[in-house]
């Protein structure tokens, strides 16, 4: 697997982008997610409490989370 990949049809702007592969992210010594806003609270709950891996962030190993109160509101 490569270090990066090219995405041509991202559901969110920009539709074309270069991104790190999950393998590359998981090889990092420290992985940190900073999440803000109530709009992310459902996904945060699904990933942290329910161990949902349908989102790429749910597949990151040993992730350190930094959440504001609205993002953590459903935990």
N, C-alpha and C. Protein backbone atom coordinates (compact mmCIF):
# COMPACT_ATOMS: atom_id res chain seq x y z
N UNK A 1 0.84 -1.19 0.00
CA UNK A 1 0.00 0.00 0.00
C UNK A 1 0.88 1.25 0.00
N UNK A 2 0.41 2.28 -0.69
CA UNK A 2 1.16 3.51 -0.76
C UNK A 2 0.95 4.39 0.47
N UNK A 3 1.73 5.45 0.54
CA UNK A 3 1.61 6.40 1.65
C UNK A 3 0.41 7.31 1.49
N UNK A 4 0.10 7.64 0.23
CA UNK A 4 -1.03 8.53 -0.05
C UNK A 4 -1.87 7.92 -1.16
N UNK A 5 -3.06 8.46 -1.30
CA UNK A 5 -3.94 8.03 -2.39
C UNK A 5 -4.64 9.26 -2.96
N UNK A 6 -5.09 9.13 -4.19
CA UNK A 6 -5.79 10.21 -4.87
C UNK A 6 -7.27 9.87 -4.91
N UNK A 7 -8.09 10.77 -4.42
CA UNK A 7 -9.54 10.58 -4.39
C UNK A 7 -10.15 11.49 -5.45
N UNK A 8 -10.97 10.92 -6.33
CA UNK A 8 -11.58 11.70 -7.41
C UNK A 8 -13.03 12.06 -7.15
N UNK A 9 -13.68 11.36 -6.21
CA UNK A 9 -15.12 11.55 -6.03
C UNK A 9 -15.52 11.67 -4.56
N UNK A 10 -14.82 12.51 -3.83
CA UNK A 10 -15.13 12.70 -2.42
C UNK A 10 -16.55 13.24 -2.26
N UNK A 11 -17.31 12.74 -1.28
CA UNK A 11 -18.66 13.25 -1.08
C UNK A 11 -18.71 14.67 -0.54
N UNK A 12 -17.58 15.14 0.00
CA UNK A 12 -17.51 16.51 0.51
C UNK A 12 -16.43 17.27 -0.25
N UNK A 13 -16.59 18.57 -0.39
CA UNK A 13 -15.61 19.37 -1.13
C UNK A 13 -14.24 19.34 -0.46
N UNK A 14 -13.19 19.41 -1.22
CA UNK A 14 -13.16 19.35 -2.67
C UNK A 14 -13.34 17.91 -3.16
N UNK A 15 -13.96 17.71 -4.31
CA UNK A 15 -14.20 16.34 -4.78
C UNK A 15 -12.93 15.59 -5.16
N UNK A 16 -11.90 16.33 -5.54
CA UNK A 16 -10.62 15.71 -5.87
C UNK A 16 -9.60 16.13 -4.84
N UNK A 17 -8.90 15.13 -4.29
CA UNK A 17 -7.91 15.44 -3.25
C UNK A 17 -6.89 14.33 -3.11
N UNK A 18 -5.79 14.65 -2.47
CA UNK A 18 -4.78 13.68 -2.10
C UNK A 18 -4.92 13.48 -0.60
N UNK A 19 -4.88 12.24 -0.14
CA UNK A 19 -5.06 11.96 1.28
C UNK A 19 -4.11 10.86 1.74
N UNK A 20 -3.80 10.86 3.02
CA UNK A 20 -2.98 9.78 3.58
C UNK A 20 -3.80 8.50 3.63
N UNK A 21 -3.14 7.37 3.40
CA UNK A 21 -3.84 6.09 3.52
C UNK A 21 -3.98 5.74 5.00
N UNK A 22 -4.94 4.88 5.29
CA UNK A 22 -5.16 4.44 6.66
C UNK A 22 -3.91 3.75 7.21
N UNK A 23 -3.23 2.99 6.39
CA UNK A 23 -2.00 2.33 6.80
C UNK A 23 -0.95 3.35 7.23
N UNK A 24 -0.82 4.43 6.48
CA UNK A 24 0.14 5.49 6.82
C UNK A 24 -0.22 6.14 8.15
N UNK A 25 -1.49 6.45 8.33
CA UNK A 25 -1.93 7.07 9.58
C UNK A 25 -1.66 6.15 10.75
N UNK A 26 -1.98 4.87 10.61
CA UNK A 26 -1.79 3.93 11.72
C UNK A 26 -0.33 3.69 12.06
N UNK A 27 0.59 4.01 11.16
CA UNK A 27 2.01 3.86 11.45
C UNK A 27 2.58 5.04 12.24
N UNK A 28 1.83 6.11 12.35
CA UNK A 28 2.29 7.28 13.10
C UNK A 28 2.43 6.94 14.58
N UNK A 29 3.39 7.54 15.23
CA UNK A 29 3.59 7.31 16.67
C UNK A 29 2.39 7.80 17.46
N UNK A 30 1.92 8.99 17.14
CA UNK A 30 0.75 9.56 17.82
C UNK A 30 -0.31 9.90 16.79
N UNK A 31 -1.54 9.53 17.08
CA UNK A 31 -2.68 9.87 16.23
C UNK A 31 -3.67 10.65 17.08
N UNK A 32 -3.99 11.85 16.65
CA UNK A 32 -4.84 12.74 17.44
C UNK A 32 -6.02 13.20 16.58
N UNK A 33 -7.21 13.15 17.17
CA UNK A 33 -8.41 13.68 16.52
C UNK A 33 -8.93 14.84 17.35
N UNK A 34 -9.11 15.97 16.73
CA UNK A 34 -9.70 17.14 17.38
C UNK A 34 -11.07 17.32 16.74
N UNK A 35 -12.12 17.19 17.56
CA UNK A 35 -13.48 17.22 17.04
C UNK A 35 -14.27 18.30 17.77
N UNK A 36 -14.92 19.15 17.00
CA UNK A 36 -15.71 20.23 17.59
C UNK A 36 -17.11 20.24 16.99
N UNK A 37 -18.05 20.64 17.81
CA UNK A 37 -19.41 20.85 17.34
C UNK A 37 -20.36 19.70 17.56
N UNK A 38 -21.59 20.06 17.87
CA UNK A 38 -22.63 19.07 18.13
C UNK A 38 -22.95 18.22 16.90
N UNK A 39 -22.72 18.76 15.72
CA UNK A 39 -23.03 18.01 14.49
C UNK A 39 -22.19 16.74 14.37
N UNK A 40 -21.09 16.65 15.09
CA UNK A 40 -20.23 15.46 15.06
C UNK A 40 -20.51 14.51 16.22
N UNK A 41 -21.39 14.87 17.13
CA UNK A 41 -21.59 14.08 18.36
C UNK A 41 -22.09 12.66 18.11
N UNK A 42 -22.93 12.47 17.11
CA UNK A 42 -23.43 11.12 16.82
C UNK A 42 -22.31 10.23 16.31
N UNK A 43 -21.50 10.75 15.41
CA UNK A 43 -20.37 9.96 14.89
C UNK A 43 -19.37 9.67 15.99
N UNK A 44 -19.08 10.66 16.84
CA UNK A 44 -18.17 10.45 17.97
C UNK A 44 -18.67 9.31 18.84
N UNK A 45 -19.94 9.31 19.17
CA UNK A 45 -20.53 8.25 20.00
C UNK A 45 -20.41 6.89 19.31
N UNK A 46 -20.75 6.85 18.02
CA UNK A 46 -20.67 5.59 17.29
C UNK A 46 -19.25 5.03 17.28
N UNK A 47 -18.28 5.88 17.07
CA UNK A 47 -16.89 5.42 16.97
C UNK A 47 -16.31 5.07 18.33
N UNK A 48 -16.51 5.92 19.33
CA UNK A 48 -15.90 5.69 20.64
C UNK A 48 -16.64 4.63 21.45
N UNK A 49 -17.94 4.77 21.59
CA UNK A 49 -18.68 3.85 22.46
C UNK A 49 -19.08 2.56 21.76
N UNK A 50 -19.48 2.66 20.51
CA UNK A 50 -19.99 1.49 19.80
C UNK A 50 -18.93 0.79 18.95
N UNK A 51 -17.72 1.36 18.94
CA UNK A 51 -16.59 0.79 18.18
C UNK A 51 -16.93 0.60 16.70
N UNK A 52 -17.70 1.53 16.15
CA UNK A 52 -18.13 1.47 14.76
C UNK A 52 -16.94 1.78 13.84
N UNK A 53 -16.69 0.91 12.89
CA UNK A 53 -15.56 1.10 11.97
C UNK A 53 -16.00 1.49 10.55
N UNK A 54 -17.27 1.87 10.39
CA UNK A 54 -17.71 2.26 9.04
C UNK A 54 -17.09 3.59 8.60
N UNK A 55 -16.68 4.41 9.57
CA UNK A 55 -15.98 5.65 9.26
C UNK A 55 -14.48 5.38 9.36
N UNK A 56 -13.66 5.94 8.48
CA UNK A 56 -12.22 5.70 8.55
C UNK A 56 -11.62 5.99 9.92
N UNK A 57 -12.11 7.02 10.61
CA UNK A 57 -11.56 7.34 11.93
C UNK A 57 -11.76 6.20 12.92
N UNK A 58 -12.77 5.39 12.71
CA UNK A 58 -13.01 4.24 13.56
C UNK A 58 -12.03 3.11 13.34
N UNK A 59 -11.18 3.24 12.32
CA UNK A 59 -10.18 2.23 12.02
C UNK A 59 -8.77 2.67 12.41
N UNK A 60 -8.67 3.86 12.99
CA UNK A 60 -7.37 4.36 13.44
C UNK A 60 -7.08 3.77 14.81
N UNK A 61 -5.91 3.16 14.95
CA UNK A 61 -5.54 2.49 16.19
C UNK A 61 -4.92 3.48 17.18
N UNK A 62 -5.23 3.29 18.46
CA UNK A 62 -4.63 4.08 19.55
C UNK A 62 -4.81 5.59 19.34
N UNK A 63 -5.99 5.98 18.98
CA UNK A 63 -6.29 7.38 18.68
C UNK A 63 -6.51 8.16 19.97
N UNK A 64 -5.91 9.33 20.04
CA UNK A 64 -6.11 10.25 21.16
C UNK A 64 -7.16 11.26 20.72
N UNK A 65 -8.22 11.37 21.52
CA UNK A 65 -9.35 12.24 21.18
C UNK A 65 -9.31 13.54 21.98
N UNK A 66 -9.54 14.66 21.32
CA UNK A 66 -9.77 15.95 21.96
C UNK A 66 -11.13 16.44 21.47
N UNK A 67 -12.08 16.52 22.38
CA UNK A 67 -13.45 16.88 22.03
C UNK A 67 -13.90 18.10 22.81
N UNK A 68 -14.63 18.99 22.16
CA UNK A 68 -15.28 20.05 22.93
C UNK A 68 -16.58 19.47 23.52
N UNK A 69 -17.22 20.21 24.40
CA UNK A 69 -18.43 19.69 25.07
C UNK A 69 -19.53 19.33 24.08
N UNK A 70 -19.81 20.16 23.07
CA UNK A 70 -20.86 19.77 22.12
C UNK A 70 -20.54 18.46 21.37
N UNK A 71 -19.30 18.26 20.97
CA UNK A 71 -18.93 17.03 20.26
C UNK A 71 -19.04 15.81 21.16
N UNK A 72 -18.82 16.00 22.46
CA UNK A 72 -18.88 14.90 23.43
C UNK A 72 -20.25 14.75 24.07
N UNK A 73 -21.22 15.51 23.63
CA UNK A 73 -22.51 15.58 24.33
C UNK A 73 -23.30 14.27 24.36
N UNK A 74 -23.03 13.34 23.47
CA UNK A 74 -23.78 12.08 23.46
C UNK A 74 -23.01 10.92 24.09
N UNK A 75 -21.86 11.23 24.67
CA UNK A 75 -21.07 10.18 25.33
C UNK A 75 -21.56 9.96 26.74
